Protein backbone atom coordinates (compact mmCIF):
# COMPACT_ATOMS: atom_id res chain seq x y z
CA MET A 1 52.01 23.65 57.15
CA PRO A 2 50.85 22.13 60.45
CA LEU A 3 48.22 19.47 60.28
CA LEU A 4 45.66 21.41 62.36
CA ILE A 5 45.94 24.55 60.21
CA SER A 6 45.45 22.62 56.98
CA TYR A 7 42.49 20.75 58.58
CA ILE A 8 40.82 24.08 59.57
CA ILE A 9 41.43 25.71 56.12
CA ILE A 10 40.11 22.70 54.22
CA ARG A 11 36.97 22.36 56.35
CA VAL A 12 36.13 26.09 56.37
CA SER A 13 36.67 26.28 52.59
CA ILE A 14 34.41 23.33 51.87
CA GLY A 15 31.68 24.77 54.16
CA PHE A 16 32.02 28.20 52.54
CA ALA A 17 31.71 26.71 49.07
CA LEU A 18 28.55 24.83 50.16
CA GLY A 19 27.13 28.01 51.65
CA ALA A 20 27.97 30.15 48.66
CA ALA A 21 26.35 27.61 46.32
CA THR A 22 23.22 27.60 48.49
CA ALA A 23 23.08 31.45 48.45
CA ILE A 24 23.54 31.56 44.72
CA ALA A 25 20.73 29.03 44.23
CA ILE A 26 18.46 31.10 46.45
CA LEU A 27 19.34 34.35 44.73
CA LEU A 28 18.72 32.82 41.28
CA GLN A 29 15.34 31.46 42.37
CA TRP A 30 14.45 34.84 43.85
CA PHE A 31 15.44 36.64 40.65
CA LEU A 32 13.24 34.33 38.59
CA THR A 33 10.15 35.01 40.75
CA ASP A 34 10.61 38.72 41.56
CA ALA A 35 11.30 41.55 39.09
CA THR A 36 13.30 43.70 41.52
CA SER A 37 16.99 43.58 41.36
CA LEU A 38 19.75 43.71 43.93
CA GLY A 39 23.02 45.51 43.59
CA PRO A 40 26.32 43.69 43.59
CA LEU A 41 27.05 44.63 47.19
CA GLU A 42 23.77 43.14 48.44
CA MET A 43 24.38 39.94 46.49
CA TRP A 44 27.91 39.59 47.81
CA LEU A 45 26.71 40.15 51.39
CA VAL A 46 24.10 37.43 51.05
CA ILE A 47 26.66 35.01 49.59
CA TYR A 48 29.25 35.94 52.26
CA GLY A 49 26.70 35.62 55.02
CA PHE A 50 25.61 32.15 53.98
CA GLY A 51 29.20 31.08 53.25
CA SER A 52 30.60 32.17 56.63
CA VAL A 53 27.84 30.53 58.58
CA PHE A 54 28.11 27.29 56.64
CA GLY A 55 31.90 27.36 56.86
CA LEU A 56 31.96 27.67 60.64
CA GLY A 57 29.14 25.14 61.00
CA TYR A 58 30.97 22.64 58.79
CA LEU A 59 34.17 23.09 60.77
CA ALA A 60 32.42 22.74 64.09
CA THR A 61 30.52 19.64 62.99
CA SER A 62 33.61 18.02 61.59
CA LEU A 63 35.55 18.76 64.80
CA ALA A 64 32.77 17.25 66.88
CA LEU A 65 32.42 14.15 64.76
CA ASP A 66 36.16 13.56 64.38
CA ALA A 67 36.84 13.96 68.16
CA ASP A 68 38.44 10.94 69.78
CA ASP A 69 36.69 9.69 72.88
CA ASP A 70 39.35 8.97 75.44
CA ASP A 71 36.86 8.14 78.18
CA ASP A 72 37.06 4.75 79.86
CA GLY A 73 33.37 4.73 80.42
CA ALA A 74 33.73 6.13 83.93
């Protein structure tokens, strides 16, 4: 697999895992304080929403921080 493709897959996966963990923590905290329940589709959409945003954010941040500056200062 080309290096760029593996780089993108790894970074998006790590970001998605971080976002999904955040969403699960928020949902668990919400369930402990509120007696209403969500269906499985609503829970999945919240987890997917957090995961996709975190995944793209993690990828964009890693691309920005890993960029090589080829400028000569001019």
